[in-house]
Amino acid sequence: MKIDSVRNAVVGIIDYQAGNIQSIENAFIHIGARVIRVVAEHQIQDCTHLVLPGVGAFGFCAEHLRSSGLIPALERWALEEGRPLLGICVGMQLLSDSSEESEESQGLGWFGGTVKRILASPGIRVPHVGWNIVAFENDFGEFAAGDETDFYFDHSFAYQNPSKGAVLGFCTHGERFSAIIEQGNIIATQFHPEKSQEAGLRFLRGFLAR
């Protein structure tokens, strides 16, 4: 990946009061990108890449995102203009139609499908917290199809089968679920790249190369 693709990157992190985004900000700064906390639509025009984070309950995040008034701008950016956007954790789940966690709340519907609860069983703890292997189905940045890499997870619900786009990587915790999904320049991860040490930084560099 070209160094300039990182140095010239301006990453807008959507700050809609749904989780601590400091660690995401620090990770992008660490690899050499400039970061903007986006709280208003006019700030988006200064960005080359956007990140949709999310921590907590699906319904809480969905309602805060709607209250921010930023959804039309995000849809223009990602769906109409095809510019790079990364969803992380609940930010990934928000791309679905809905979640079993908060059935009264609607997702953005960009990838369709439903986010479902991970079922606990002997040897399978919920929430799923800690390191686990992601198996890559296709190439992405410095990762090749067939690679198996550890990333850090912290979640109780998972996106099994999005009805649109493609699954870039799978993880297994009891059942297999989508760990990375993509559609055009929209990428989303159930794991936290910002907490995944060197593997996470490599993943973020791959995103900035888009």
C-alpha atoms as a PDB file:
ATOM      1  CA  MET A   1       0.000   0.000   0.000  1.00  0.00           C
ATOM      2  CA  LYS A   2       1.269   3.455  -0.870  1.00  0.00           C
ATOM      3  CA  ILE A   3       2.391   5.603   2.056  1.00  0.00           C
ATOM      4  CA  ASP A   4       0.602   8.592   0.483  1.00  0.00           C
ATOM      5  CA  SER A   5      -2.774   6.856   0.795  1.00  0.00           C
ATOM      6  CA  VAL A   6      -2.396   7.098   4.581  1.00  0.00           C
ATOM      7  CA  ARG A   7      -0.731  10.498   4.763  1.00  0.00           C
ATOM      8  CA  ASN A   8      -3.402  12.064   2.571  1.00  0.00           C
ATOM      9  CA  ALA A   9      -6.286  10.388   4.388  1.00  0.00           C
ATOM     10  CA  VAL A  10      -8.728  12.476   6.394  1.00  0.00           C
ATOM     11  CA  VAL A  11     -10.864  10.102   8.453  1.00  0.00           C
ATOM     12  CA  GLY A  12     -14.211  11.369   9.659  1.00  0.00           C
ATOM     13  CA  ILE A  13     -15.448   9.435  12.703  1.00  0.00           C
ATOM     14  CA  ILE A  14     -19.204   9.844  13.081  1.00  0.00           C
ATOM     15  CA  ASP A  15     -19.678  11.097  16.646  1.00  0.00           C
ATOM     16  CA  TYR A  16     -23.344  10.518  17.484  1.00  0.00           C
ATOM     17  CA  GLN A  17     -22.879  10.021  21.232  1.00  0.00           C
ATOM     18  CA  ALA A  18     -22.997   6.223  21.078  1.00  0.00           C
ATOM     19  CA  GLY A  19     -19.744   5.072  22.576  1.00  0.00           C
ATOM     20  CA  ASN A  20     -16.176   6.097  23.273  1.00  0.00           C
ATOM     21  CA  ILE A  21     -14.436   6.808  19.968  1.00  0.00           C
ATOM     22  CA  GLN A  22     -11.073   7.846  21.406  1.00  0.00           C
ATOM     23  CA  SER A  23      -9.426   4.468  20.765  1.00  0.00           C
ATOM     24  CA  ILE A  24     -10.554   4.527  17.116  1.00  0.00           C
ATOM     25  CA  GLU A  25      -9.221   8.043  16.737  1.00  0.00           C
ATOM     26  CA  ASN A  26      -5.892   7.055  18.304  1.00  0.00           C
ATOM     27  CA  ALA A  27      -5.493   4.055  15.980  1.00  0.00           C
ATOM     28  CA  PHE A  28      -5.910   6.126  12.817  1.00  0.00           C
ATOM     29  CA  ILE A  29      -3.581   8.826  14.125  1.00  0.00           C
ATOM     30  CA  HIS A  30      -1.023   6.111  14.948  1.00  0.00           C
ATOM     31  CA  ILE A  31      -0.893   4.975  11.310  1.00  0.00           C
ATOM     32  CA  GLY A  32      -0.524   8.547  10.085  1.00  0.00           C
ATOM     33  CA  ALA A  33      -4.030   9.680   9.143  1.00  0.00           C
ATOM     34  CA  ARG A  34      -5.689  12.937  10.098  1.00  0.00           C
ATOM     35  CA  VAL A  35      -8.939  12.520  12.059  1.00  0.00           C
ATOM     36  CA  ILE A  36     -12.082  14.643  12.329  1.00  0.00           C
ATOM     37  CA  ARG A  37     -14.914  13.967  14.770  1.00  0.00           C
ATOM     38  CA  VAL A  38     -17.981  14.505  12.621  1.00  0.00           C
ATOM     39  CA  VAL A  39     -20.975  15.976  14.441  1.00  0.00           C
ATOM     40  CA  ALA A  40     -22.402  18.038  11.564  1.00  0.00           C
ATOM     41  CA  GLU A  41     -22.990  17.344   7.875  1.00  0.00           C
ATOM     42  CA  HIS A  42     -20.737  20.145   6.605  1.00  0.00           C
ATOM     43  CA  GLN A  43     -17.682  18.433   8.158  1.00  0.00           C
ATOM     44  CA  ILE A  44     -18.088  15.418   5.876  1.00  0.00           C
ATOM     45  CA  GLN A  45     -16.952  17.362   2.806  1.00  0.00           C
ATOM     46  CA  ASP A  46     -13.446  17.598   4.294  1.00  0.00           C
ATOM     47  CA  CYS A  47     -13.088  13.796   4.652  1.00  0.00           C
ATOM     48  CA  THR A  48     -11.681  11.087   2.400  1.00  0.00           C
ATOM     49  CA  HIS A  49     -13.020   8.191   4.524  1.00  0.00           C
ATOM     50  CA  LEU A  50     -15.815   7.820   7.092  1.00  0.00           C
ATOM     51  CA  VAL A  51     -16.098   5.520  10.109  1.00  0.00           C
ATOM     52  CA  LEU A  52     -19.388   4.553  11.771  1.00  0.00           C
ATOM     53  CA  PRO A  53     -18.590   3.272  15.283  1.00  0.00           C
ATOM     54  CA  GLY A  54     -21.060   1.934  17.823  1.00  0.00           C
ATOM     55  CA  VAL A  55     -20.928   0.614  21.370  1.00  0.00           C
ATOM     56  CA  GLY A  56     -23.887  -0.608  23.418  1.00  0.00           C
ATOM     57  CA  ALA A  57     -27.384  -1.741  22.508  1.00  0.00           C
ATOM     58  CA  PHE A  58     -28.543  -1.742  18.882  1.00  0.00           C
ATOM     59  CA  GLY A  59     -31.651   0.315  19.664  1.00  0.00           C
ATOM     60  CA  PHE A  60     -29.683   2.921  21.606  1.00  0.00           C
ATOM     61  CA  CYS A  61     -27.224   3.368  18.739  1.00  0.00           C
ATOM     62  CA  ALA A  62     -29.944   3.373  16.057  1.00  0.00           C
ATOM     63  CA  GLU A  63     -31.955   6.080  17.788  1.00  0.00           C
ATOM     64  CA  HIS A  64     -28.907   8.242  18.498  1.00  0.00           C
ATOM     65  CA  LEU A  65     -27.816   7.959  14.864  1.00  0.00           C
ATOM     66  CA  ARG A  66     -31.268   9.021  13.676  1.00  0.00           C
ATOM     67  CA  SER A  67     -31.297  11.914  16.133  1.00  0.00           C
ATOM     68  CA  SER A  68     -27.952  13.119  14.765  1.00  0.00           C
ATOM     69  CA  GLY A  69     -29.558  13.976  11.420  1.00  0.00           C
ATOM     70  CA  LEU A  70     -26.553  12.535   9.581  1.00  0.00           C
ATOM     71  CA  ILE A  71     -28.201   9.524   7.903  1.00  0.00           C
ATOM     72  CA  PRO A  72     -29.060  11.291   4.592  1.00  0.00           C
ATOM     73  CA  ALA A  73     -25.455  12.508   4.307  1.00  0.00           C
ATOM     74  CA  LEU A  74     -24.110   9.006   5.038  1.00  0.00           C
ATOM     75  CA  GLU A  75     -26.396   7.478   2.402  1.00  0.00           C
ATOM     76  CA  ARG A  76     -25.253  10.023  -0.170  1.00  0.00           C
ATOM     77  CA  TRP A  77     -21.612   9.370   0.685  1.00  0.00           C
ATOM     78  CA  ALA A  78     -21.690   5.572   0.731  1.00  0.00           C
ATOM     79  CA  LEU A  79     -24.583   4.518  -1.511  1.00  0.00           C
ATOM     80  CA  GLU A  80     -24.799   7.262  -4.136  1.00  0.00           C
ATOM     81  CA  GLU A  81     -21.168   8.394  -4.390  1.00  0.00           C
ATOM     82  CA  GLY A  82     -19.571   5.037  -3.495  1.00  0.00           C
ATOM     83  CA  ARG A  83     -17.007   6.557  -1.141  1.00  0.00           C
ATOM     84  CA  PRO A  84     -15.233   4.542   1.600  1.00  0.00           C
ATOM     85  CA  LEU A  85     -17.088   3.909   4.858  1.00  0.00           C
ATOM     86  CA  LEU A  86     -16.128   1.530   7.682  1.00  0.00           C
ATOM     87  CA  GLY A  87     -18.656   0.269  10.237  1.00  0.00           C
ATOM     88  CA  ILE A  88     -17.267  -1.129  13.498  1.00  0.00           C
ATOM     89  CA  CYS A  89     -19.058  -3.457  15.968  1.00  0.00           C
ATOM     90  CA  VAL A  90     -22.601  -2.057  16.421  1.00  0.00           C
ATOM     91  CA  GLY A  91     -21.724   0.243  13.515  1.00  0.00           C
ATOM     92  CA  MET A  92     -21.645  -2.935  11.422  1.00  0.00           C
ATOM     93  CA  GLN A  93     -24.916  -4.208  12.884  1.00  0.00           C
ATOM     94  CA  LEU A  94     -26.649  -0.916  12.047  1.00  0.00           C
ATOM     95  CA  LEU A  95     -26.194  -1.750   8.343  1.00  0.00           C
ATOM     96  CA  SER A  96     -28.777  -4.547   8.765  1.00  0.00           C
ATOM     97  CA  ASP A  97     -32.559  -4.245   8.576  1.00  0.00           C
ATOM     98  CA  SER A  98     -33.022  -5.047  12.259  1.00  0.00           C
ATOM     99  CA  SER A  99     -31.675  -6.809  15.343  1.00  0.00           C
ATOM    100  CA  GLU A 100     -33.175  -9.281  17.788  1.00  0.00           C
ATOM    101  CA  GLU A 101     -31.664  -7.107  20.516  1.00  0.00           C
ATOM    102  CA  SER A 102     -34.016  -4.176  19.795  1.00  0.00           C
ATOM    103  CA  GLU A 103     -36.787  -5.381  17.513  1.00  0.00           C
ATOM    104  CA  GLU A 104     -38.611  -2.058  17.659  1.00  0.00           C
ATOM    105  CA  SER A 105     -35.628  -0.213  16.139  1.00  0.00           C
ATOM    106  CA  GLN A 106     -34.794  -0.206  12.435  1.00  0.00           C
ATOM    107  CA  GLY A 107     -31.299  -0.431  11.012  1.00  0.00           C
ATOM    108  CA  LEU A 108     -30.110   1.385   7.904  1.00  0.00           C
ATOM    109  CA  GLY A 109     -30.897  -1.630   5.732  1.00  0.00           C
ATOM    110  CA  TRP A 110     -27.844  -1.218   3.477  1.00  0.00           C
ATOM    111  CA  PHE A 111     -26.961  -4.929   3.732  1.00  0.00           C
ATOM    112  CA  GLY A 112     -30.390  -6.290   4.673  1.00  0.00           C
ATOM    113  CA  GLY A 113     -30.830  -9.256   6.972  1.00  0.00           C
ATOM    114  CA  THR A 114     -31.176  -9.489  10.733  1.00  0.00           C
ATOM    115  CA  VAL A 115     -28.626  -9.451  13.547  1.00  0.00           C
ATOM    116  CA  LYS A 116     -29.239 -12.387  15.891  1.00  0.00           C
ATOM    117  CA  ARG A 117     -28.313 -13.284  19.450  1.00  0.00           C
ATOM    118  CA  ILE A 118     -25.311 -15.576  19.940  1.00  0.00           C
ATOM    119  CA  LEU A 119     -26.520 -18.713  21.712  1.00  0.00           C
ATOM    120  CA  ALA A 120     -24.647 -19.753  24.836  1.00  0.00           C
ATOM    121  CA  SER A 121     -23.796 -23.426  25.252  1.00  0.00           C
ATOM    122  CA  PRO A 122     -21.225 -25.508  27.151  1.00  0.00           C
ATOM    123  CA  GLY A 123     -17.856 -23.953  26.349  1.00  0.00           C
ATOM    124  CA  ILE A 124     -19.432 -20.998  24.506  1.00  0.00           C
ATOM    125  CA  ARG A 125     -19.690 -17.899  26.651  1.00  0.00           C
ATOM    126  CA  VAL A 126     -21.839 -14.909  25.825  1.00  0.00           C
ATOM    127  CA  PRO A 127     -20.876 -12.133  25.474  1.00  0.00           C
ATOM    128  CA  HIS A 128     -18.119 -13.168  23.090  1.00  0.00           C
ATOM    129  CA  VAL A 129     -15.180 -11.199  24.475  1.00  0.00           C
ATOM    130  CA  GLY A 130     -11.550 -11.614  23.498  1.00  0.00           C
ATOM    131  CA  TRP A 131      -9.421 -12.779  20.607  1.00  0.00           C
ATOM    132  CA  ASN A 132     -10.748 -15.086  17.921  1.00  0.00           C
ATOM    133  CA  ILE A 133      -9.759 -16.156  14.424  1.00  0.00           C
ATOM    134  CA  VAL A 134     -11.194 -14.486  11.327  1.00  0.00           C
ATOM    135  CA  ALA A 135     -10.937 -16.526   8.128  1.00  0.00           C
ATOM    136  CA  PHE A 136     -10.675 -14.295   5.057  1.00  0.00           C
ATOM    137  CA  GLU A 137     -12.776 -15.311   2.052  1.00  0.00           C
ATOM    138  CA  ASN A 138     -11.247 -12.703  -0.277  1.00  0.00           C
ATOM    139  CA  ASP A 139      -8.201 -10.447  -0.452  1.00  0.00           C
ATOM    140  CA  PHE A 140      -8.300  -7.208   1.523  1.00  0.00           C
ATOM    141  CA  GLY A 141      -5.327  -4.871   1.829  1.00  0.00           C
ATOM    142  CA  GLU A 142      -2.420  -6.859   3.280  1.00  0.00           C
ATOM    143  CA  PHE A 143      -4.661  -9.905   3.922  1.00  0.00           C
ATOM    144  CA  ALA A 144      -5.145 -12.658   1.339  1.00  0.00           C
ATOM    145  CA  ALA A 145      -8.020 -15.073   0.802  1.00  0.00           C
ATOM    146  CA  GLY A 146      -7.400 -18.061   3.054  1.00  0.00           C
ATOM    147  CA  ASP A 147      -5.590 -16.071   5.753  1.00  0.00           C
ATOM    148  CA  GLU A 148      -6.644 -16.764   9.332  1.00  0.00           C
ATOM    149  CA  THR A 149      -5.914 -13.882  11.688  1.00  0.00           C
ATOM    150  CA  ASP A 150      -6.791 -13.116  15.321  1.00  0.00           C
ATOM    151  CA  PHE A 151      -8.869 -10.013  16.031  1.00  0.00           C
ATOM    152  CA  TYR A 152     -10.491  -8.696  19.213  1.00  0.00           C
ATOM    153  CA  PHE A 153     -14.261  -9.108  19.713  1.00  0.00           C
ATOM    154  CA  ASP A 154     -16.752  -7.829  22.291  1.00  0.00           C
ATOM    155  CA  HIS A 155     -20.393  -8.581  21.409  1.00  0.00           C
ATOM    156  CA  SER A 156     -23.468 -10.664  22.211  1.00  0.00           C
ATOM    157  CA  PHE A 157     -25.207 -10.407  18.828  1.00  0.00           C
ATOM    158  CA  ALA A 158     -23.897 -11.274  15.372  1.00  0.00           C
ATOM    159  CA  TYR A 159     -24.725 -10.755  11.710  1.00  0.00           C
ATOM    160  CA  GLN A 160     -25.093 -14.255  10.282  1.00  0.00           C
ATOM    161  CA  ASN A 161     -26.298 -13.731   6.732  1.00  0.00           C
ATOM    162  CA  PRO A 162     -26.558 -10.261   5.214  1.00  0.00           C
ATOM    163  CA  SER A 163     -28.814 -10.414   2.161  1.00  0.00           C
ATOM    164  CA  LYS A 164     -26.789  -7.869   0.176  1.00  0.00           C
ATOM    165  CA  GLY A 165     -23.081  -7.441  -0.428  1.00  0.00           C
ATOM    166  CA  ALA A 166     -20.527 -10.124   0.369  1.00  0.00           C
ATOM    167  CA  VAL A 167     -18.976 -11.725   3.427  1.00  0.00           C
ATOM    168  CA  LEU A 168     -15.262 -10.945   3.383  1.00  0.00           C
ATOM    169  CA  GLY A 169     -14.428 -12.897   6.537  1.00  0.00           C
ATOM    170  CA  PHE A 170     -16.040 -15.368   8.934  1.00  0.00           C
ATOM    171  CA  CYS A 171     -15.542 -16.130  12.626  1.00  0.00           C
ATOM    172  CA  THR A 172     -16.857 -19.045  14.671  1.00  0.00           C
ATOM    173  CA  HIS A 173     -18.087 -18.786  18.260  1.00  0.00           C
ATOM    174  CA  GLY A 174     -20.519 -21.644  18.642  1.00  0.00           C
ATOM    175  CA  GLU A 175     -22.007 -20.819  15.238  1.00  0.00           C
ATOM    176  CA  ARG A 176     -20.244 -19.246  12.280  1.00  0.00           C
ATOM    177  CA  PHE A 177     -21.044 -15.579  11.747  1.00  0.00           C
ATOM    178  CA  SER A 178     -20.004 -12.731   9.472  1.00  0.00           C
ATOM    179  CA  ALA A 179     -16.935 -10.980  10.892  1.00  0.00           C
ATOM    180  CA  ILE A 180     -16.320  -8.704   7.878  1.00  0.00           C
ATOM    181  CA  ILE A 181     -18.823  -7.671   5.217  1.00  0.00           C
ATOM    182  CA  GLU A 182     -18.394  -5.483   2.161  1.00  0.00           C
ATOM    183  CA  GLN A 183     -20.430  -3.900  -0.591  1.00  0.00           C
ATOM    184  CA  GLY A 184     -18.505  -1.646  -2.966  1.00  0.00           C
ATOM    185  CA  ASN A 185     -16.469   0.671  -0.746  1.00  0.00           C
ATOM    186  CA  ILE A 186     -18.586  -0.048   2.334  1.00  0.00           C
ATOM    187  CA  ILE A 187     -16.664  -2.289   4.749  1.00  0.00           C
ATOM    188  CA  ALA A 188     -17.834  -3.366   8.197  1.00  0.00           C
ATOM    189  CA  THR A 189     -16.341  -5.474  10.976  1.00  0.00           C
ATOM    190  CA  GLN A 190     -17.857  -7.147  14.024  1.00  0.00           C
ATOM    191  CA  PHE A 191     -14.435  -7.101  15.687  1.00  0.00           C
ATOM    192  CA  HIS A 192     -12.675  -3.977  16.918  1.00  0.00           C
ATOM    193  CA  PRO A 193      -9.676  -3.239  14.659  1.00  0.00           C
ATOM    194  CA  GLU A 194      -8.649  -0.417  16.987  1.00  0.00           C
ATOM    195  CA  LYS A 195      -8.230  -2.966  19.820  1.00  0.00           C
ATOM    196  CA  SER A 196      -6.633  -5.678  17.671  1.00  0.00           C
ATOM    197  CA  GLN A 197      -3.016  -4.513  17.903  1.00  0.00           C
ATOM    198  CA  GLU A 198      -0.896  -4.925  14.752  1.00  0.00           C
ATOM    199  CA  ALA A 199      -3.510  -6.970  12.866  1.00  0.00           C
ATOM    200  CA  GLY A 200      -6.037  -4.224  13.471  1.00  0.00           C
ATOM    201  CA  LEU A 201      -3.674  -1.515  12.248  1.00  0.00           C
ATOM    202  CA  ARG A 202      -2.997  -3.552   9.101  1.00  0.00           C
ATOM    203  CA  PHE A 203      -6.733  -3.781   8.538  1.00  0.00           C
ATOM    204  CA  LEU A 204      -7.188  -0.024   8.960  1.00  0.00           C
ATOM    205  CA  ARG A 205      -4.381   0.607   6.466  1.00  0.00           C
ATOM    206  CA  GLY A 206      -6.243  -1.604   3.997  1.00  0.00           C
ATOM    207  CA  PHE A 207      -9.362   0.495   4.506  1.00  0.00           C
ATOM    208  CA  LEU A 208      -7.433   3.721   3.880  1.00  0.00           C
ATOM    209  CA  ALA A 209      -6.112   2.283   0.608  1.00  0.00           C
ATOM    210  CA  ARG A 210      -9.674   2.336  -0.752  1.00  0.00           C
END
